[in-house]
């Protein structure tokens, strides 16, 4: 088996799940070369099989993972995968029809790359406000252009810390070799990082970054390939000021924590008292009361300071 597509899902939206599965059904790579694992992560509501089977690829299996959390769902998927390469797909991602073929070709051409991702392009259900465009990267949306990018080691010569490549893959569409995912799994089993990823309605993050850093610490490179593209389906609820503020705070906090856990954080640690003072100052610096965008920026600063507090 060449590939395993792993789709973690918790209380999925039927329409977006059907679109995700239909995108897999439309793949140009013959089904005998890959499998699909739909990981039901402790859902309290889950569409009946009759509502989505007609849209799904024939090689799909559903696996129940009772431990709530994206990290648990990914562990389950990696451990159950038969493929030598796993592809992480969210339940609101629609892969381009040649995505799986392109992944195989890329890894064949780059034997030292352990993790690769590509473009994540938006499909909005409603037109976002102009001010929200600044925060699209928080929604796992990105297009890094037409040039391929490959890392050259985790710590540059003479650097005081490890360096996280700014083009490293995000979770949406990340393809990872089994040997690289095993490095992350071993880290999880050993309890070497205690990072919290998405769990129910919690908006903590950086599980994607943890996977990349574990792979790179094991000697693999990270890459971006413009040949890989997917559509990310964005409902209106993810464009509200409240959601984006919570999301920015959770992402910035966990980003600091994952960098610290992997000796890649150039920011010094803070005391809890210092963090409180900095958050108060940032309230005025960002004029957090003045607009939705200003409040979202301030919440991101608060998360950044919280993430630097000594454990």
Foldseek 3Di string as FASTA:
>chain_A
DAEEEAEEDAQDDLVLLLLQQLLVQLAPPDPVNYAYEYEHELHPDDDDCVSRVVRHHPRYDYHYQDHFAPVSSVLVRLVPGPHQKYWYAYSRKRWHNHQVVVVVVVCVVPVQAFKEAEAEAEDEPDDFDPLLVVLVVLVVGDHPDQDKDKDDAQAPPPDPFGAQDPRFDDRHGMMGGSVLQVLLVVCVVVVLADAGDDGPPQQAHCPRVSSQLSSRVVRGMGIYHNVIYIYGYHYPVCRDLVNLLRNLLRHLLRVLQSCVSNRNDPDAADAPVVLVVVLVVLCVVLVLVPDSSSVSVSSNSSSNNNNRHDD
